[in-house]
Amino acid sequence: MTQKELKAAYTEELKKAWNDDEMVKYCSKSTAFVIEHNGALYGIEKPKIETSFCFGYGINGIADTEQERTAEAMVETARKSKEYFINQNLENLNRWIKSLQKILDDMGKNWAEGSHPRYMIETGEHYGGQKEDCRLRYYSIVDTFNTFNGTMGKICNDTELIKKLIAGYEEVKTEFIKRLNAYLKRYGMSKVKTWSYLSD
């Protein structure tokens, strides 16, 4: 299925989770990419363009001159640098890609040694109360060494799903870079707000 078809299918499944047209519309618009795997649908959230950057310095209301100068230098960098703007906006997507790739690499390495990776993917029903035939599923990264009361969903060891998630995030990143460059072409850095503050 194409992304257009998958997004349409995702929207239909949202109707099984929400008895509210506005929520269906909102959730559908907030989804940038849809992955189908073994009949289930997984959505990747549409990233938002961040234009506000703040920098704290000191601790407990105490700071020296050098800490303040460093924070102010970062304020200036964030106010003027398009490279900083793009990198900061891509930070979350890059973190997901890096984390998923590490899980995939660790799965192969650890299983070869007879153990399991510390971090894994958890999956389950996307919304509480969704209809039984609803195909929407969530995914999250969990620390398997630190689950005191178990997890909300099920630990997933499906490498194909993880590969699809990585590919999906790469697609979202590619499209987001285009959006960021279009934003900069239109507004430049005129709408970026930066400031520093003394940490309490």
Protein backbone atom coordinates (compact mmCIF):
# COMPACT_ATOMS: atom_id res chain seq x y z
CA MET A 1 0.00 0.00 0.00
CA THR A 2 1.10 3.57 -0.68
CA GLN A 3 1.42 6.14 2.13
CA LYS A 4 -1.76 7.80 0.88
CA GLU A 5 -3.62 4.50 1.19
CA LEU A 6 -2.08 3.71 4.57
CA LYS A 7 -3.00 7.13 5.95
CA ALA A 8 -6.57 6.66 4.73
CA ALA A 9 -6.70 3.26 6.42
CA TYR A 10 -5.23 4.77 9.59
CA THR A 11 -7.95 7.44 9.63
CA GLU A 12 -10.66 4.76 9.29
CA GLU A 13 -9.15 2.87 12.23
CA LEU A 14 -9.13 6.08 14.30
CA LYS A 15 -12.91 6.09 13.99
CA LYS A 16 -12.93 2.81 15.92
CA ALA A 17 -10.99 4.44 18.74
CA TRP A 18 -12.62 7.89 18.89
CA ASN A 19 -16.33 8.67 18.79
CA ASP A 20 -15.42 12.25 17.97
CA ASP A 21 -14.86 13.57 14.43
CA GLU A 22 -12.64 16.40 15.64
CA MET A 23 -10.31 14.00 17.49
CA VAL A 24 -10.18 11.71 14.46
CA LYS A 25 -9.26 14.70 12.30
CA TYR A 26 -6.65 15.95 14.80
CA CYS A 27 -4.99 12.54 15.27
CA SER A 28 -4.97 11.93 11.53
CA LYS A 29 -3.37 15.32 10.78
CA SER A 30 -0.82 14.75 13.57
CA THR A 31 0.41 11.52 11.94
CA ALA A 32 3.26 11.99 9.47
CA PHE A 33 3.85 8.39 8.43
CA VAL A 34 2.03 5.06 8.78
CA ILE A 35 3.62 1.62 8.97
CA GLU A 36 1.71 -1.59 8.38
CA HIS A 37 3.12 -4.75 9.93
CA ASN A 38 1.35 -8.09 10.36
CA GLY A 39 -2.02 -6.38 9.91
CA ALA A 40 -1.38 -3.71 12.57
CA LEU A 41 -0.93 0.01 11.87
CA TYR A 42 1.72 2.12 13.62
CA GLY A 43 1.84 5.90 13.24
CA ILE A 44 4.81 8.23 13.47
CA GLU A 45 3.87 11.63 14.86
CA LYS A 46 4.33 14.69 12.67
CA PRO A 47 7.20 16.79 14.07
CA LYS A 48 6.56 20.42 14.95
CA ILE A 49 8.90 23.27 14.11
CA GLU A 50 10.46 24.62 17.31
CA THR A 51 11.31 28.32 17.28
CA SER A 52 12.00 28.98 20.98
CA PHE A 53 15.32 28.13 22.61
CA CYS A 54 16.36 28.93 26.18
CA PHE A 55 19.59 28.33 28.06
CA GLY A 56 19.95 28.03 31.80
CA TYR A 57 23.13 28.75 33.72
CA GLY A 58 24.25 28.39 37.31
CA ILE A 59 22.46 26.46 40.04
CA ASN A 60 20.30 27.48 43.00
CA GLY A 61 20.37 31.10 41.81
CA ILE A 62 24.17 31.26 41.88
CA ALA A 63 26.42 31.60 38.83
CA ASP A 64 29.76 33.04 37.88
CA THR A 65 30.48 35.43 35.01
CA GLU A 66 31.86 32.70 32.76
CA GLN A 67 28.65 30.62 33.04
CA GLU A 68 26.56 33.65 32.17
CA ARG A 69 28.76 34.49 29.18
CA THR A 70 28.54 30.90 27.91
CA ALA A 71 24.75 30.99 28.12
CA GLU A 72 24.61 34.34 26.32
CA ALA A 73 26.90 32.99 23.59
CA MET A 74 24.46 30.10 23.09
CA VAL A 75 21.58 32.60 22.92
CA GLU A 76 23.36 34.42 20.09
CA THR A 77 24.15 31.19 18.26
CA ALA A 78 20.53 30.02 18.48
CA ARG A 79 19.30 33.43 17.31
CA LYS A 80 21.51 33.57 14.21
CA SER A 81 22.55 30.06 13.17
CA LYS A 82 20.35 28.25 10.64
CA GLU A 83 22.46 25.13 11.16
CA TYR A 84 21.72 25.20 14.90
CA PHE A 85 18.01 25.72 14.16
CA ILE A 86 17.86 22.70 11.84
CA ASN A 87 19.95 20.45 14.11
CA GLN A 88 17.85 21.26 17.18
CA ASN A 89 14.63 20.59 15.29
CA LEU A 90 15.96 17.24 14.07
CA GLU A 91 17.21 16.20 17.50
CA ASN A 92 14.16 14.13 18.48
CA LEU A 93 13.95 12.31 15.14
CA ASN A 94 17.69 11.58 15.23
CA ARG A 95 17.34 10.23 18.77
CA TRP A 96 14.59 7.82 17.68
CA ILE A 97 16.60 6.60 14.68
CA LYS A 98 19.76 6.14 16.76
CA SER A 99 17.90 4.34 19.58
CA LEU A 100 16.02 2.00 17.25
CA GLN A 101 19.20 1.18 15.33
CA LYS A 102 21.03 0.42 18.59
CA ILE A 103 18.20 -1.90 19.69
CA LEU A 104 18.39 -3.69 16.33
CA ASP A 105 22.18 -4.03 16.57
CA ASP A 106 22.05 -5.17 20.20
CA MET A 107 19.38 -7.76 19.44
CA GLY A 108 21.65 -9.50 16.95
CA LYS A 109 24.70 -9.26 19.20
CA ASN A 110 23.06 -10.22 22.50
CA TRP A 111 21.00 -13.10 21.14
CA ALA A 112 24.15 -14.53 19.59
CA GLU A 113 25.62 -14.53 23.10
CA GLY A 114 22.49 -16.11 24.62
CA SER A 115 21.21 -12.98 26.38
CA HIS A 116 18.79 -10.17 25.51
CA PRO A 117 19.29 -6.43 25.02
CA ARG A 118 18.59 -4.03 27.85
CA TYR A 119 16.40 -1.78 25.70
CA MET A 120 13.58 -3.23 23.63
CA ILE A 121 10.41 -2.18 21.84
CA GLU A 122 7.05 -2.50 23.60
CA THR A 123 3.82 -2.62 21.59
CA GLY A 124 0.13 -2.69 22.48
CA GLU A 125 -3.27 -1.22 21.73
CA HIS A 126 -2.85 2.45 20.82
CA TYR A 127 -5.90 3.71 22.71
CA GLY A 128 -7.58 2.38 25.83
CA GLY A 129 -11.11 1.31 24.99
CA GLN A 130 -10.58 1.03 21.26
CA LYS A 131 -12.76 -1.55 19.51
CA GLU A 132 -11.45 -5.11 19.43
CA ASP A 133 -11.06 -5.06 15.66
CA CYS A 134 -9.12 -1.76 15.71
CA ARG A 135 -5.70 -2.22 14.09
CA LEU A 136 -3.98 0.74 15.73
CA ARG A 137 -0.94 -0.08 17.85
CA TYR A 138 1.55 2.03 19.80
CA TYR A 139 5.24 1.42 20.23
CA SER A 140 7.71 2.71 22.80
CA ILE A 141 11.24 1.98 23.96
CA VAL A 142 11.48 0.34 27.38
CA ASP A 143 14.32 -0.52 29.74
CA THR A 144 13.87 -4.27 30.35
CA PHE A 145 16.19 -4.11 33.39
CA ASN A 146 13.97 -1.55 35.11
CA THR A 147 10.37 -2.75 34.75
CA PHE A 148 9.22 -3.09 38.36
CA ASN A 149 5.57 -3.79 37.65
CA GLY A 150 5.81 -5.12 34.12
CA THR A 151 4.92 -3.10 31.05
CA MET A 152 1.66 -1.77 29.65
CA GLY A 153 2.03 -3.75 26.44
CA LYS A 154 4.14 -6.61 25.15
CA ILE A 155 7.88 -6.71 24.58
CA CYS A 156 8.47 -7.07 20.85
CA ASN A 157 11.42 -8.97 19.40
CA ASP A 158 10.34 -8.56 15.78
CA THR A 159 13.34 -7.18 13.91
CA GLU A 160 11.27 -6.54 10.78
CA LEU A 161 9.01 -4.12 12.66
CA ILE A 162 12.04 -2.27 14.02
CA LYS A 163 13.53 -2.02 10.51
CA LYS A 164 10.24 -0.60 9.23
CA LEU A 165 10.17 1.94 12.08
CA ILE A 166 13.72 3.07 11.29
CA ALA A 167 12.85 3.44 7.60
CA GLY A 168 9.70 5.34 8.55
CA TYR A 169 11.58 7.77 10.77
CA GLU A 170 14.13 8.33 7.98
CA GLU A 171 11.27 9.23 5.61
CA VAL A 172 9.77 11.61 8.17
CA LYS A 173 13.20 13.19 8.70
CA THR A 174 13.67 13.74 4.96
CA GLU A 175 10.29 15.47 4.65
CA PHE A 176 10.89 17.50 7.82
CA ILE A 177 14.21 18.82 6.48
CA LYS A 178 12.31 20.06 3.42
CA ARG A 179 9.77 21.79 5.71
CA LEU A 180 12.53 23.38 7.78
CA ASN A 181 14.32 24.71 4.72
CA ALA A 182 11.05 26.07 3.30
CA TYR A 183 10.39 27.76 6.67
CA LEU A 184 13.85 29.35 6.67
CA LYS A 185 13.45 30.48 3.08
CA ARG A 186 10.19 32.22 3.98
CA TYR A 187 10.97 33.65 7.42
CA GLY A 188 14.71 33.33 7.90
CA MET A 189 15.49 33.55 11.63
CA SER A 190 13.03 36.43 12.20
CA LYS A 191 10.57 34.37 14.27
CA VAL A 192 13.16 32.59 16.43
CA LYS A 193 13.04 33.53 20.13
CA THR A 194 16.03 32.91 22.39
CA TRP A 195 16.85 33.81 26.00
CA SER A 196 18.91 32.76 28.98
CA TYR A 197 17.93 32.40 32.64
CA LEU A 198 19.55 31.90 36.00
CA SER A 199 18.65 28.39 37.21
CA ASP A 200 16.92 28.17 40.61
